[in-house]
Amino acid sequence: MLFTMELHCNELLKSLRNAIIRRIDNLVILLDTSKVYNPEEDTYLFLDHVEVEEESRVLDMGTGCGIIGLKLARTCREVVGADINPYAVFYANLNALVNGIRNFHAVWSNLFSNIEGCFDYIVFNPPYLEGLATDILEESWYGGWRLVASFLREAQRRVRRGIFILVTEDMLPKLELNAFRIEVLAEKSMWFFEKTLLLKLEKKT
């Protein structure tokens, strides 16, 4: 693990001085783009296509600035955000406060290492690029199919209904998905990468 879960006050104050404000999906979002992933086209796939039932408890894995989880929290019972990046945890919780959303909170976690219990749905916009992160921001990009496979192995035990996850086409043959019914919600070719797919993985009973 590259980074610890703790940040000092002076680090947060320095980051806040660099923060920008965005308005996305009727939410006010603060983030320091040098420390936290700035929502891009992949984020909007989730915002446009992911829906859950009103009474759902949701885990937003890799929450980043919190935008996906915060949108879901407006219509469901509870959302827990999780991220390995402590700056992301800070900004996700700050954005919940700014937007007056009380049924969302974010915690530091390396995948499920600090997550307890089960969830109706898990949402994950993973770092799907192959490679190793060299700084805190690159944790948002690099992980690849091995990280996704590790996530799915544990997610099967933690989810009741389904998982929403973004993958690349070449990942699919490498992932163990027999426990799920697969629905492709959206697909898009982004930047110079191959096609990405937003999947809904419904847990088989």
Protein backbone atom coordinates (compact mmCIF):
# COMPACT_ATOMS: atom_id res chain seq x y z
CA MET A 1 0.00 0.00 0.00
CA LEU A 2 1.50 3.30 -1.08
CA PHE A 3 -0.28 5.70 1.22
CA THR A 4 -1.41 5.87 4.83
CA MET A 5 -4.93 6.68 5.98
CA GLU A 6 -3.97 9.75 8.02
CA LEU A 7 -3.51 13.33 6.88
CA HIS A 8 -2.27 16.24 8.96
CA CYS A 9 -4.25 19.46 9.21
CA ASN A 10 -1.62 21.46 7.33
CA GLU A 11 -1.81 18.99 4.43
CA LEU A 12 -5.58 19.38 4.25
CA LEU A 13 -5.38 23.18 4.43
CA LYS A 14 -2.83 23.24 1.63
CA SER A 15 -5.08 21.00 -0.46
CA LEU A 16 -8.15 23.14 0.23
CA ARG A 17 -6.33 26.20 -1.09
CA ASN A 18 -5.94 24.34 -4.40
CA ALA A 19 -9.51 23.04 -4.50
CA ILE A 20 -11.88 23.77 -7.36
CA ILE A 21 -15.67 23.84 -7.28
CA ARG A 22 -17.75 21.97 -9.84
CA ARG A 23 -21.49 21.62 -10.19
CA ILE A 24 -22.41 18.13 -11.35
CA ASP A 25 -25.91 16.67 -11.42
CA ASN A 26 -27.23 19.41 -9.13
CA LEU A 27 -24.49 18.73 -6.60
CA VAL A 28 -21.75 21.13 -5.54
CA ILE A 29 -18.45 19.23 -5.68
CA LEU A 30 -15.17 20.46 -4.18
CA LEU A 31 -11.93 18.69 -4.98
CA ASP A 32 -8.20 19.20 -5.38
CA THR A 33 -7.50 17.75 -8.82
CA SER A 34 -3.84 17.23 -7.93
CA LYS A 35 -4.90 14.77 -5.20
CA VAL A 36 -8.33 13.38 -6.16
CA TYR A 37 -9.69 12.01 -9.45
CA ASN A 38 -11.60 14.67 -11.36
CA PRO A 39 -14.89 13.19 -12.66
CA GLU A 40 -14.65 12.35 -16.36
CA GLU A 41 -16.65 10.46 -18.98
CA ASP A 42 -16.48 7.19 -17.07
CA THR A 43 -18.03 8.87 -14.03
CA TYR A 44 -20.92 10.14 -16.12
CA LEU A 45 -21.72 6.61 -17.28
CA PHE A 46 -22.53 5.77 -13.67
CA LEU A 47 -24.46 8.98 -13.10
CA ASP A 48 -26.58 8.35 -16.18
CA HIS A 49 -27.26 4.63 -15.85
CA VAL A 50 -27.06 3.42 -12.24
CA GLU A 51 -30.30 3.21 -10.27
CA VAL A 52 -31.07 1.42 -7.00
CA GLU A 53 -34.17 0.87 -4.90
CA GLU A 54 -35.17 3.40 -2.25
CA GLU A 55 -34.43 1.17 0.74
CA SER A 56 -31.03 0.03 -0.53
CA ARG A 57 -27.78 0.13 1.41
CA VAL A 58 -25.00 0.87 -1.07
CA LEU A 59 -21.19 0.71 -1.01
CA ASP A 60 -19.45 3.18 -3.35
CA MET A 61 -16.03 1.58 -3.71
CA GLY A 62 -13.31 3.97 -4.91
CA THR A 63 -15.60 6.87 -4.09
CA GLY A 64 -13.17 9.64 -5.12
CA CYS A 65 -14.81 13.02 -4.56
CA GLY A 66 -18.03 11.16 -3.72
CA ILE A 67 -20.11 12.23 -6.70
CA ILE A 68 -21.57 8.80 -7.57
CA GLY A 69 -22.36 7.88 -3.98
CA LEU A 70 -23.82 11.30 -3.23
CA LYS A 71 -26.19 11.09 -6.17
CA LEU A 72 -27.34 7.64 -5.06
CA ALA A 73 -27.75 8.85 -1.48
CA ARG A 74 -30.44 11.28 -2.61
CA THR A 75 -32.72 8.34 -3.44
CA CYS A 76 -31.63 5.41 -1.23
CA ARG A 77 -31.39 4.63 2.48
CA GLU A 78 -27.61 4.73 3.06
CA VAL A 79 -24.38 4.98 1.10
CA VAL A 80 -20.91 4.19 2.42
CA GLY A 81 -18.01 5.51 0.35
CA ALA A 82 -14.61 3.81 0.50
CA ASP A 83 -11.26 4.87 -0.92
CA ILE A 84 -7.57 4.10 -0.46
CA ASN A 85 -6.81 7.79 -1.03
CA PRO A 86 -7.23 9.74 2.24
CA TYR A 87 -7.73 12.98 0.32
CA ALA A 88 -10.65 11.37 -1.48
CA VAL A 89 -12.19 10.37 1.85
CA PHE A 90 -11.82 13.93 3.11
CA TYR A 91 -13.40 15.53 0.03
CA ALA A 92 -16.21 12.96 -0.20
CA ASN A 93 -17.22 13.68 3.40
CA LEU A 94 -16.83 17.42 2.83
CA ASN A 95 -19.05 17.25 -0.24
CA ALA A 96 -21.71 15.37 1.72
CA LEU A 97 -21.64 18.18 4.29
CA VAL A 98 -21.74 20.94 1.66
CA ASN A 99 -24.75 19.34 -0.04
CA GLY A 100 -26.59 18.56 3.19
CA ILE A 101 -26.60 14.80 2.54
CA ARG A 102 -26.68 12.98 5.87
CA ASN A 103 -27.04 9.38 4.74
CA PHE A 104 -23.58 9.27 3.12
CA HIS A 105 -20.22 8.88 4.80
CA ALA A 106 -16.80 7.88 3.48
CA VAL A 107 -14.10 5.81 5.15
CA TRP A 108 -10.52 4.94 4.31
CA SER A 109 -10.21 1.38 3.02
CA ASN A 110 -7.96 -0.67 0.75
CA LEU A 111 -10.80 -2.41 -1.09
CA PHE A 112 -12.71 -4.18 1.72
CA SER A 113 -9.98 -4.01 4.38
CA ASN A 114 -11.89 -1.51 6.54
CA ILE A 115 -15.45 -2.31 5.42
CA GLU A 116 -17.87 -4.24 7.61
CA GLY A 117 -21.12 -5.94 6.75
CA CYS A 118 -23.06 -6.53 3.55
CA PHE A 119 -24.72 -4.21 1.06
CA ASP A 120 -27.64 -4.44 -1.31
CA TYR A 121 -25.52 -2.94 -4.09
CA ILE A 122 -21.86 -2.16 -4.64
CA VAL A 123 -20.75 0.45 -7.17
CA PHE A 124 -17.13 0.49 -8.39
CA ASN A 125 -15.47 2.72 -10.97
CA PRO A 126 -12.11 0.96 -10.69
CA PRO A 127 -8.61 2.02 -11.68
CA TYR A 128 -8.76 -0.18 -14.76
CA LEU A 129 -5.45 0.76 -16.43
CA GLU A 130 -2.62 -1.77 -16.21
CA GLY A 131 0.44 -0.51 -14.34
CA LEU A 132 1.67 0.56 -10.92
CA ALA A 133 0.75 3.82 -9.23
CA THR A 134 3.68 6.05 -8.30
CA ASP A 135 1.76 8.80 -6.49
CA ILE A 136 -1.50 9.32 -4.67
CA LEU A 137 -3.46 10.47 -7.72
CA GLU A 138 -2.33 7.57 -9.90
CA GLU A 139 -4.08 5.20 -7.47
CA SER A 140 -7.23 6.37 -9.30
CA TRP A 141 -5.96 5.06 -12.65
CA TYR A 142 -3.69 2.05 -12.23
CA GLY A 143 -4.77 -1.35 -10.96
CA GLY A 144 -6.01 -3.29 -13.95
CA TRP A 145 -7.76 -6.64 -14.15
CA ARG A 146 -5.98 -8.16 -11.15
CA LEU A 147 -7.35 -5.50 -8.83
CA VAL A 148 -10.83 -5.92 -10.33
CA ALA A 149 -10.60 -9.71 -9.90
CA SER A 150 -9.57 -9.29 -6.27
CA PHE A 151 -12.48 -6.92 -5.70
CA LEU A 152 -14.99 -9.33 -7.25
CA ARG A 153 -13.84 -12.28 -5.15
CA GLU A 154 -14.68 -10.43 -1.94
CA ALA A 155 -17.66 -8.53 -3.35
CA GLN A 156 -19.48 -11.83 -4.00
CA ARG A 157 -19.60 -12.37 -0.23
CA ARG A 158 -20.57 -8.79 0.59
CA VAL A 159 -23.38 -8.04 -1.86
CA ARG A 160 -27.02 -9.13 -1.70
CA ARG A 161 -28.39 -7.96 -5.05
CA GLY A 162 -25.88 -6.64 -7.53
CA ILE A 163 -22.71 -4.83 -8.52
CA PHE A 164 -22.30 -1.95 -10.95
CA ILE A 165 -18.75 -1.91 -12.34
CA LEU A 166 -16.82 -0.46 -15.26
CA VAL A 167 -14.48 -2.83 -17.12
CA THR A 168 -12.56 -2.88 -20.38
CA GLU A 169 -13.36 -5.44 -23.07
CA ASP A 170 -10.07 -7.28 -22.66
CA MET A 171 -10.71 -7.77 -18.93
CA LEU A 172 -13.82 -9.88 -19.41
CA PRO A 173 -12.15 -13.23 -20.29
CA LYS A 174 -9.90 -12.88 -17.23
CA LEU A 175 -12.67 -12.30 -14.67
CA GLU A 176 -14.63 -14.96 -12.80
CA LEU A 177 -18.26 -13.90 -13.28
CA ASN A 178 -20.14 -17.21 -12.98
CA ALA A 179 -21.85 -16.08 -9.78
CA PHE A 180 -23.63 -13.28 -11.62
CA ARG A 181 -26.11 -12.59 -14.38
CA ILE A 182 -24.48 -9.96 -16.59
CA GLU A 183 -26.22 -6.96 -18.13
CA VAL A 184 -24.37 -4.34 -20.19
CA LEU A 185 -25.88 -0.98 -19.23
CA ALA A 186 -23.65 1.21 -21.42
CA GLU A 187 -20.47 1.13 -23.45
CA LYS A 188 -18.09 3.83 -24.57
CA SER A 189 -14.69 4.23 -26.19
CA MET A 190 -12.81 6.74 -24.06
CA TRP A 191 -9.65 8.61 -24.98
CA PHE A 192 -7.14 6.28 -26.64
CA PHE A 193 -8.29 3.22 -24.70
CA GLU A 194 -10.37 0.36 -25.97
CA LYS A 195 -14.08 0.11 -25.34
CA THR A 196 -15.23 0.25 -21.74
CA LEU A 197 -18.41 -1.41 -20.51
CA LEU A 198 -20.62 -0.48 -17.58
CA LEU A 199 -21.92 -3.79 -16.25
CA LYS A 200 -24.67 -4.67 -13.84
CA LEU A 201 -23.77 -7.97 -12.21
CA GLU A 202 -26.89 -9.39 -10.60
CA LYS A 203 -26.13 -11.98 -7.96
CA LYS A 204 -27.60 -15.40 -8.71
CA THR A 205 -29.74 -16.89 -5.98
